[in-house]
Amino acid sequence: MRRRAENRIGAVRLAATGFVLAVGLVGVLHLVGMQSNRPLIFIAQVDGESMEPTLHDGQQLVCVRAPWDEGDIVVADVGESCLVVKRVVSRRGQEVRLVGDNRAHSESYQVRPEAVKSVMLCRLGVPHVATASAASEVGASE
């Protein structure tokens, strides 16, 4: 029993150390990016259903200014009022094609490589997606 408790404590310490190192790395990269007009790393939030089922409305992403390739999820300036989160499906010369994973709720864009501002590094969790059964359970408990 004591051995299990020690293993749990060790796992918690390891996770906490990893978290602290990750936060420190993000902080350093952010400070380095402050030397230019664009940060090296930032948090983006998904708005809409165009990237489902991969990414969900409201989900936050850690994005980094780094090289990208076909298949990567990127943040791009497509000339709209805000940046968009899309997947790179092709790159031919000076033309990059971006699309959402949810083709029924997504537009595709043809942009120049400079329009791609950053690439997704990781997700910060999945937002709660309400289901009909969850909604009925909430209604029943009120």
N, C-alpha and C. Protein backbone atom coordinates (compact mmCIF):
# COMPACT_ATOMS: atom_id res chain seq x y z
N MET A 1 0.84 -1.20 0.00
CA MET A 1 0.00 0.00 0.00
C MET A 1 0.88 1.26 0.00
N ARG A 2 1.93 1.23 0.81
CA ARG A 2 2.82 2.38 0.88
C ARG A 2 3.54 2.60 -0.45
N ARG A 3 3.89 1.50 -1.10
CA ARG A 3 4.58 1.58 -2.39
C ARG A 3 3.69 2.27 -3.45
N ARG A 4 2.39 1.95 -3.44
CA ARG A 4 1.47 2.60 -4.38
C ARG A 4 1.41 4.10 -4.12
N ALA A 5 1.34 4.47 -2.87
CA ALA A 5 1.28 5.89 -2.51
C ALA A 5 2.55 6.61 -2.97
N GLU A 6 3.71 5.96 -2.81
CA GLU A 6 4.97 6.56 -3.26
C GLU A 6 4.98 6.70 -4.78
N ASN A 7 4.46 5.70 -5.49
CA ASN A 7 4.41 5.77 -6.95
C ASN A 7 3.51 6.92 -7.41
N ARG A 8 2.37 7.09 -6.71
CA ARG A 8 1.47 8.19 -7.06
C ARG A 8 2.13 9.54 -6.82
N ILE A 9 2.80 9.66 -5.69
CA ILE A 9 3.50 10.91 -5.37
C ILE A 9 4.58 11.19 -6.42
N GLY A 10 5.30 10.15 -6.81
CA GLY A 10 6.33 10.31 -7.84
C GLY A 10 5.74 10.74 -9.17
N ALA A 11 4.60 10.16 -9.54
CA ALA A 11 3.95 10.53 -10.79
C ALA A 11 3.47 11.98 -10.75
N VAL A 12 2.93 12.40 -9.62
CA VAL A 12 2.47 13.78 -9.47
C VAL A 12 3.65 14.74 -9.56
N ARG A 13 4.75 14.41 -8.91
CA ARG A 13 5.95 15.27 -8.97
C ARG A 13 6.46 15.37 -10.40
N LEU A 14 6.48 14.26 -11.11
CA LEU A 14 6.95 14.25 -12.49
C LEU A 14 6.04 15.11 -13.37
N ALA A 15 4.74 14.98 -13.20
CA ALA A 15 3.79 15.79 -13.99
C ALA A 15 3.95 17.27 -13.66
N ALA A 16 4.11 17.59 -12.38
CA ALA A 16 4.27 18.98 -11.97
C ALA A 16 5.56 19.57 -12.54
N THR A 17 6.63 18.78 -12.52
CA THR A 17 7.90 19.25 -13.08
C THR A 17 7.77 19.51 -14.57
N GLY A 18 7.11 18.60 -15.29
CA GLY A 18 6.89 18.79 -16.72
C GLY A 18 6.08 20.04 -17.00
N PHE A 19 5.04 20.27 -16.20
CA PHE A 19 4.20 21.45 -16.37
C PHE A 19 5.02 22.72 -16.15
N VAL A 20 5.81 22.76 -15.09
CA VAL A 20 6.63 23.94 -14.79
C VAL A 20 7.62 24.20 -15.91
N LEU A 21 8.25 23.14 -16.43
CA LEU A 21 9.19 23.31 -17.53
C LEU A 21 8.49 23.83 -18.79
N ALA A 22 7.30 23.31 -19.07
CA ALA A 22 6.54 23.76 -20.25
C ALA A 22 6.16 25.22 -20.12
N VAL A 23 5.69 25.62 -18.94
CA VAL A 23 5.31 27.02 -18.72
C VAL A 23 6.54 27.92 -18.84
N GLY A 24 7.66 27.47 -18.32
CA GLY A 24 8.90 28.24 -18.43
C GLY A 24 9.34 28.40 -19.87
N LEU A 25 9.24 27.32 -20.65
CA LEU A 25 9.62 27.38 -22.06
C LEU A 25 8.71 28.34 -22.82
N VAL A 26 7.42 28.27 -22.55
CA VAL A 26 6.48 29.19 -23.19
C VAL A 26 6.84 30.63 -22.84
N GLY A 27 7.16 30.89 -21.59
CA GLY A 27 7.54 32.24 -21.16
C GLY A 27 8.79 32.73 -21.86
N VAL A 28 9.79 31.89 -21.96
CA VAL A 28 11.04 32.28 -22.63
C VAL A 28 10.78 32.56 -24.10
N LEU A 29 10.05 31.68 -24.77
CA LEU A 29 9.75 31.89 -26.19
C LEU A 29 8.94 33.16 -26.40
N HIS A 30 8.03 33.44 -25.48
CA HIS A 30 7.23 34.66 -25.60
C HIS A 30 8.13 35.90 -25.47
N LEU A 31 9.04 35.89 -24.51
CA LEU A 31 9.93 37.03 -24.33
C LEU A 31 10.84 37.22 -25.53
N VAL A 32 11.34 36.12 -26.09
CA VAL A 32 12.18 36.22 -27.28
C VAL A 32 11.36 36.81 -28.43
N GLY A 33 10.12 36.38 -28.56
CA GLY A 33 9.25 36.89 -29.62
C GLY A 33 8.90 38.35 -29.45
N MET A 34 9.00 38.88 -28.24
CA MET A 34 8.68 40.28 -28.00
C MET A 34 9.67 41.20 -28.70
N GLN A 35 10.82 40.67 -29.14
CA GLN A 35 11.80 41.47 -29.85
C GLN A 35 11.31 41.84 -31.25
N SER A 36 10.31 41.13 -31.75
CA SER A 36 9.74 41.44 -33.07
C SER A 36 8.29 41.85 -32.87
N ASN A 37 7.62 42.19 -33.97
CA ASN A 37 6.21 42.57 -33.89
C ASN A 37 5.31 41.38 -33.64
N ARG A 38 5.79 40.19 -33.96
CA ARG A 38 4.98 38.97 -33.80
C ARG A 38 5.62 38.08 -32.75
N PRO A 39 4.86 37.62 -31.77
CA PRO A 39 5.44 36.70 -30.78
C PRO A 39 5.76 35.36 -31.41
N LEU A 40 6.74 34.66 -30.85
CA LEU A 40 7.09 33.33 -31.33
C LEU A 40 6.02 32.32 -30.98
N ILE A 41 5.35 32.56 -29.88
CA ILE A 41 4.35 31.60 -29.41
C ILE A 41 3.16 32.37 -28.85
N PHE A 42 1.96 31.86 -29.09
CA PHE A 42 0.77 32.52 -28.57
C PHE A 42 -0.37 31.51 -28.49
N ILE A 43 -1.44 31.92 -27.84
CA ILE A 43 -2.63 31.09 -27.69
C ILE A 43 -3.68 31.59 -28.67
N ALA A 44 -4.24 30.68 -29.45
CA ALA A 44 -5.34 31.01 -30.37
C ALA A 44 -6.57 30.24 -29.92
N GLN A 45 -7.74 30.79 -30.17
CA GLN A 45 -8.98 30.11 -29.82
C GLN A 45 -9.78 29.83 -31.08
N VAL A 46 -10.25 28.59 -31.19
CA VAL A 46 -11.04 28.17 -32.34
C VAL A 46 -12.43 28.80 -32.23
N ASP A 47 -12.90 29.33 -33.36
CA ASP A 47 -14.23 29.95 -33.42
C ASP A 47 -15.00 29.29 -34.55
N GLY A 48 -15.97 28.47 -34.22
CA GLY A 48 -16.78 27.83 -35.24
C GLY A 48 -16.53 26.33 -35.37
N GLU A 49 -17.22 25.74 -36.35
CA GLU A 49 -17.20 24.28 -36.51
C GLU A 49 -16.34 23.81 -37.68
N SER A 50 -15.61 24.70 -38.33
CA SER A 50 -14.92 24.33 -39.57
C SER A 50 -13.81 23.31 -39.38
N MET A 51 -13.28 23.16 -38.18
CA MET A 51 -12.18 22.21 -37.96
C MET A 51 -12.62 20.95 -37.21
N GLU A 52 -13.93 20.78 -36.98
CA GLU A 52 -14.40 19.56 -36.31
C GLU A 52 -14.25 18.38 -37.26
N PRO A 53 -13.97 17.22 -36.81
CA PRO A 53 -13.91 16.76 -35.42
C PRO A 53 -12.55 16.94 -34.76
N THR A 54 -11.57 17.48 -35.48
CA THR A 54 -10.22 17.62 -34.93
C THR A 54 -10.18 18.66 -33.82
N LEU A 55 -10.73 19.82 -34.08
CA LEU A 55 -10.76 20.93 -33.13
C LEU A 55 -12.20 21.39 -32.96
N HIS A 56 -12.52 21.86 -31.76
CA HIS A 56 -13.89 22.25 -31.45
C HIS A 56 -13.99 23.74 -31.14
N ASP A 57 -15.17 24.30 -31.37
CA ASP A 57 -15.45 25.69 -31.07
C ASP A 57 -15.06 25.99 -29.62
N GLY A 58 -14.28 27.03 -29.42
CA GLY A 58 -13.87 27.42 -28.08
C GLY A 58 -12.57 26.79 -27.61
N GLN A 59 -12.08 25.80 -28.31
CA GLN A 59 -10.84 25.13 -27.90
C GLN A 59 -9.65 26.06 -28.11
N GLN A 60 -8.70 26.01 -27.18
CA GLN A 60 -7.52 26.85 -27.27
C GLN A 60 -6.34 26.04 -27.79
N LEU A 61 -5.50 26.72 -28.58
CA LEU A 61 -4.35 26.09 -29.21
C LEU A 61 -3.09 26.87 -28.87
N VAL A 62 -2.00 26.16 -28.66
CA VAL A 62 -0.70 26.80 -28.55
C VAL A 62 -0.12 26.81 -29.96
N CYS A 63 0.16 28.00 -30.46
CA CYS A 63 0.67 28.16 -31.82
C CYS A 63 2.07 28.77 -31.76
N VAL A 64 2.91 28.36 -32.69
CA VAL A 64 4.30 28.83 -32.70
C VAL A 64 4.67 29.25 -34.12
N ARG A 65 5.45 30.31 -34.19
CA ARG A 65 5.98 30.76 -35.48
C ARG A 65 7.12 29.82 -35.84
N ALA A 66 6.85 28.91 -36.75
CA ALA A 66 7.82 27.87 -37.10
C ALA A 66 7.51 27.35 -38.50
N PRO A 67 8.45 26.63 -39.09
CA PRO A 67 8.17 26.04 -40.41
C PRO A 67 6.96 25.10 -40.34
N TRP A 68 6.23 25.02 -41.42
CA TRP A 68 5.03 24.19 -41.50
C TRP A 68 5.09 23.39 -42.80
N ASP A 69 4.23 22.38 -42.88
CA ASP A 69 4.22 21.51 -44.05
C ASP A 69 2.78 21.11 -44.36
N GLU A 70 2.58 20.42 -45.47
CA GLU A 70 1.26 19.91 -45.79
C GLU A 70 0.77 19.02 -44.67
N GLY A 71 -0.51 19.16 -44.34
CA GLY A 71 -1.11 18.39 -43.27
C GLY A 71 -1.12 19.10 -41.92
N ASP A 72 -0.30 20.13 -41.77
CA ASP A 72 -0.25 20.87 -40.50
C ASP A 72 -1.48 21.76 -40.35
N ILE A 73 -1.87 21.99 -39.10
CA ILE A 73 -2.92 22.96 -38.78
C ILE A 73 -2.22 24.28 -38.51
N VAL A 74 -2.67 25.33 -39.20
CA VAL A 74 -1.99 26.61 -39.12
C VAL A 74 -2.97 27.74 -38.82
N VAL A 75 -2.42 28.88 -38.42
CA VAL A 75 -3.18 30.11 -38.27
C VAL A 75 -2.73 31.00 -39.43
N ALA A 76 -3.70 31.51 -40.19
CA ALA A 76 -3.36 32.28 -41.39
C ALA A 76 -4.19 33.55 -41.50
N ASP A 77 -3.61 34.52 -42.17
CA ASP A 77 -4.30 35.77 -42.50
C ASP A 77 -4.82 35.63 -43.92
N VAL A 78 -6.13 35.45 -44.05
CA VAL A 78 -6.74 35.26 -45.36
C VAL A 78 -7.46 36.52 -45.84
N GLY A 79 -7.18 37.65 -45.20
CA GLY A 79 -7.77 38.91 -45.61
C GLY A 79 -9.11 39.20 -44.98
N GLU A 80 -9.53 38.41 -43.99
CA GLU A 80 -10.79 38.67 -43.30
C GLU A 80 -10.51 39.48 -42.04
N SER A 81 -11.55 39.74 -41.27
CA SER A 81 -11.39 40.57 -40.08
C SER A 81 -10.55 39.92 -38.98
N CYS A 82 -10.44 38.60 -39.01
CA CYS A 82 -9.60 37.92 -38.03
C CYS A 82 -8.85 36.78 -38.71
N LEU A 83 -7.87 36.25 -38.03
CA LEU A 83 -7.09 35.13 -38.55
C LEU A 83 -7.95 33.87 -38.54
N VAL A 84 -7.60 32.89 -39.37
CA VAL A 84 -8.34 31.64 -39.42
C VAL A 84 -7.43 30.47 -39.06
N VAL A 85 -8.04 29.41 -38.52
CA VAL A 85 -7.35 28.16 -38.21
C VAL A 85 -7.79 27.15 -39.26
N LYS A 86 -6.85 26.67 -40.05
CA LYS A 86 -7.15 25.73 -41.14
C LYS A 86 -6.01 24.73 -41.29
N ARG A 87 -6.26 23.70 -42.12
CA ARG A 87 -5.24 22.70 -42.42
C ARG A 87 -4.62 23.00 -43.79
N VAL A 88 -3.30 22.86 -43.89
CA VAL A 88 -2.61 23.02 -45.17
C VAL A 88 -2.80 21.72 -45.95
N VAL A 89 -3.44 21.81 -47.12
CA VAL A 89 -3.64 20.60 -47.93
C VAL A 89 -2.70 20.54 -49.12
N SER A 90 -2.17 21.68 -49.56
CA SER A 90 -1.19 21.65 -50.64
C SER A 90 -0.39 22.94 -50.67
N ARG A 91 0.79 22.81 -51.24
CA ARG A 91 1.66 23.98 -51.44
C ARG A 91 2.34 23.79 -52.79
N ARG A 92 2.01 24.67 -53.69
CA ARG A 92 2.61 24.63 -55.03
C ARG A 92 3.20 26.00 -55.33
N GLY A 93 4.49 26.09 -55.29
CA GLY A 93 5.16 27.36 -55.56
C GLY A 93 4.76 28.42 -54.57
N GLN A 94 4.16 29.49 -55.06
CA GLN A 94 3.74 30.60 -54.20
C GLN A 94 2.26 30.54 -53.87
N GLU A 95 1.68 29.33 -53.88
CA GLU A 95 0.27 29.17 -53.57
C GLU A 95 0.07 28.07 -52.54
N VAL A 96 -0.64 28.40 -51.46
CA VAL A 96 -0.93 27.44 -50.39
C VAL A 96 -2.44 27.29 -50.32
N ARG A 97 -2.92 26.06 -50.27
CA ARG A 97 -4.36 25.82 -50.17
C ARG A 97 -4.66 25.40 -48.74
N LEU A 98 -5.61 26.10 -48.12
CA LEU A 98 -6.03 25.85 -46.74
C LEU A 98 -7.50 25.43 -46.73
N VAL A 99 -7.83 24.42 -45.95
CA VAL A 99 -9.22 23.98 -45.80
C VAL A 99 -9.47 23.59 -44.35
N GLY A 100 -10.74 23.55 -43.98
CA GLY A 100 -11.13 23.04 -42.68
C GLY A 100 -11.37 21.55 -42.75
N ASP A 101 -11.28 20.87 -41.64
CA ASP A 101 -11.51 19.43 -41.60
C ASP A 101 -12.99 19.08 -41.80
N ASN A 102 -13.88 20.01 -41.46
CA ASN A 102 -15.31 19.81 -41.62
C ASN A 102 -15.74 20.48 -42.93
N ARG A 103 -15.66 19.75 -44.02
CA ARG A 103 -15.89 20.33 -45.34
C ARG A 103 -17.29 20.93 -45.48
N ALA A 104 -18.27 20.42 -44.73
CA ALA A 104 -19.64 20.94 -44.83
C ALA A 104 -19.77 22.34 -44.23
N HIS A 105 -18.88 22.70 -43.30
CA HIS A 105 -18.96 23.99 -42.61
C HIS A 105 -17.67 24.78 -42.77
N SER A 106 -17.01 24.67 -43.92
CA SER A 106 -15.72 25.33 -44.06
C SER A 106 -15.53 25.87 -45.47
N GLU A 107 -14.85 26.98 -45.55
CA GLU A 107 -14.42 27.53 -46.83
C GLU A 107 -12.98 27.12 -47.05
N SER A 108 -12.58 27.05 -48.30
CA SER A 108 -11.16 26.83 -48.59
C SER A 108 -10.56 28.15 -49.05
N TYR A 109 -9.27 28.28 -48.87
CA TYR A 109 -8.57 29.52 -49.20
C TYR A 109 -7.31 29.20 -49.98
N GLN A 110 -6.98 30.06 -50.94
CA GLN A 110 -5.71 30.02 -51.65
C GLN A 110 -4.95 31.26 -51.18
N VAL A 111 -3.80 31.05 -50.54
CA VAL A 111 -3.03 32.18 -50.01
C VAL A 111 -1.57 32.03 -50.39
N ARG A 112 -0.83 33.10 -50.21
CA ARG A 112 0.63 33.05 -50.39
C ARG A 112 1.24 32.49 -49.11
N PRO A 113 2.42 31.90 -49.19
CA PRO A 113 3.05 31.33 -47.98
C PRO A 113 3.21 32.33 -46.84
N GLU A 114 3.40 33.61 -47.15
CA GLU A 114 3.56 34.63 -46.09
C GLU A 114 2.30 34.81 -45.27
N ALA A 115 1.15 34.40 -45.81
CA ALA A 115 -0.12 34.55 -45.09
C ALA A 115 -0.22 33.57 -43.92
N VAL A 116 0.55 32.49 -43.97
CA VAL A 116 0.55 31.52 -42.87
C VAL A 116 1.42 32.10 -41.76
N LYS A 117 0.79 32.42 -40.64
CA LYS A 117 1.48 33.13 -39.56
C LYS A 117 2.11 32.21 -38.52
N SER A 118 1.49 31.05 -38.28
CA SER A 118 2.03 30.13 -37.27
C SER A 118 1.44 28.74 -37.47
N VAL A 119 2.02 27.79 -36.78
CA VAL A 119 1.57 26.40 -36.85
C VAL A 119 1.13 25.96 -35.46
N MET A 120 0.10 25.11 -35.39
CA MET A 120 -0.37 24.62 -34.11
C MET A 120 0.67 23.68 -33.50
N LEU A 121 1.04 23.94 -32.26
CA LEU A 121 1.97 23.10 -31.53
C LEU A 121 1.22 22.03 -30.74
N CYS A 122 0.16 22.45 -30.03
CA CYS A 122 -0.64 21.51 -29.25
C CYS A 122 -1.97 22.15 -28.88
N ARG A 123 -2.87 21.32 -28.38
CA ARG A 123 -4.18 21.79 -27.90
C ARG A 123 -4.12 21.94 -26.39
N LEU A 124 -4.92 22.83 -25.86
CA LEU A 124 -4.96 23.04 -24.42
C LEU A 124 -6.17 22.40 -23.77
N GLY A 125 -6.71 21.38 -24.37
CA GLY A 125 -7.85 20.69 -23.78
C GLY A 125 -9.03 20.74 -24.71
N VAL A 126 -9.99 19.93 -24.42
CA VAL A 126 -11.19 19.86 -25.23
C VAL A 126 -12.32 20.52 -24.46
N PRO A 127 -13.00 21.50 -25.05
CA PRO A 127 -14.11 22.13 -24.33
C PRO A 127 -15.24 21.14 -24.14
N HIS A 128 -16.05 21.38 -23.15
CA HIS A 128 -17.19 20.51 -22.87
C HIS A 128 -18.19 20.61 -24.01
N VAL A 129 -18.54 19.48 -24.57
CA VAL A 129 -19.53 19.45 -25.63
C VAL A 129 -20.80 18.87 -25.05
N ALA A 130 -21.84 19.69 -24.97
CA ALA A 130 -23.11 19.24 -24.38
C ALA A 130 -23.79 18.25 -25.32
N THR A 131 -24.28 17.19 -24.75
CA THR A 131 -25.04 16.22 -25.53
C THR A 131 -26.49 16.29 -25.09
N ALA A 132 -27.37 15.70 -25.85
CA ALA A 132 -28.78 15.72 -25.49
C ALA A 132 -29.01 15.04 -24.15
N SER A 133 -28.30 13.91 -23.89
CA SER A 133 -28.49 13.22 -22.62
C SER A 133 -27.96 14.05 -21.45
N ALA A 134 -26.83 14.77 -21.66
CA ALA A 134 -26.30 15.60 -20.60
C ALA A 134 -27.25 16.76 -20.32
N ALA A 135 -27.82 17.34 -21.37
CA ALA A 135 -28.75 18.44 -21.19
C ALA A 135 -30.01 17.98 -20.45
N SER A 136 -30.50 16.78 -20.76
CA SER A 136 -31.69 16.29 -20.09
C SER A 136 -31.40 15.97 -18.63
N GLU A 137 -30.16 15.51 -18.33
CA GLU A 137 -29.79 15.24 -16.95
C GLU A 137 -29.74 16.54 -16.15
N VAL A 138 -29.23 17.61 -16.75
CA VAL A 138 -29.19 18.89 -16.06
C VAL A 138 -30.61 19.38 -15.80
N GLY A 139 -31.48 19.25 -16.79
CA GLY A 139 -32.88 19.68 -16.62
C GLY A 139 -33.59 18.88 -15.55
N ALA A 140 -33.27 17.59 -15.46
CA ALA A 140 -33.94 16.71 -14.47
C ALA A 140 -33.48 17.03 -13.06
N SER A 141 -32.23 17.52 -12.91
CA SER A 141 -31.72 17.77 -11.56
C SER A 141 -32.15 19.12 -11.02
N GLU A 142 -32.72 19.99 -11.87
CA GLU A 142 -33.11 21.33 -11.39
C GLU A 142 -34.46 21.32 -10.72
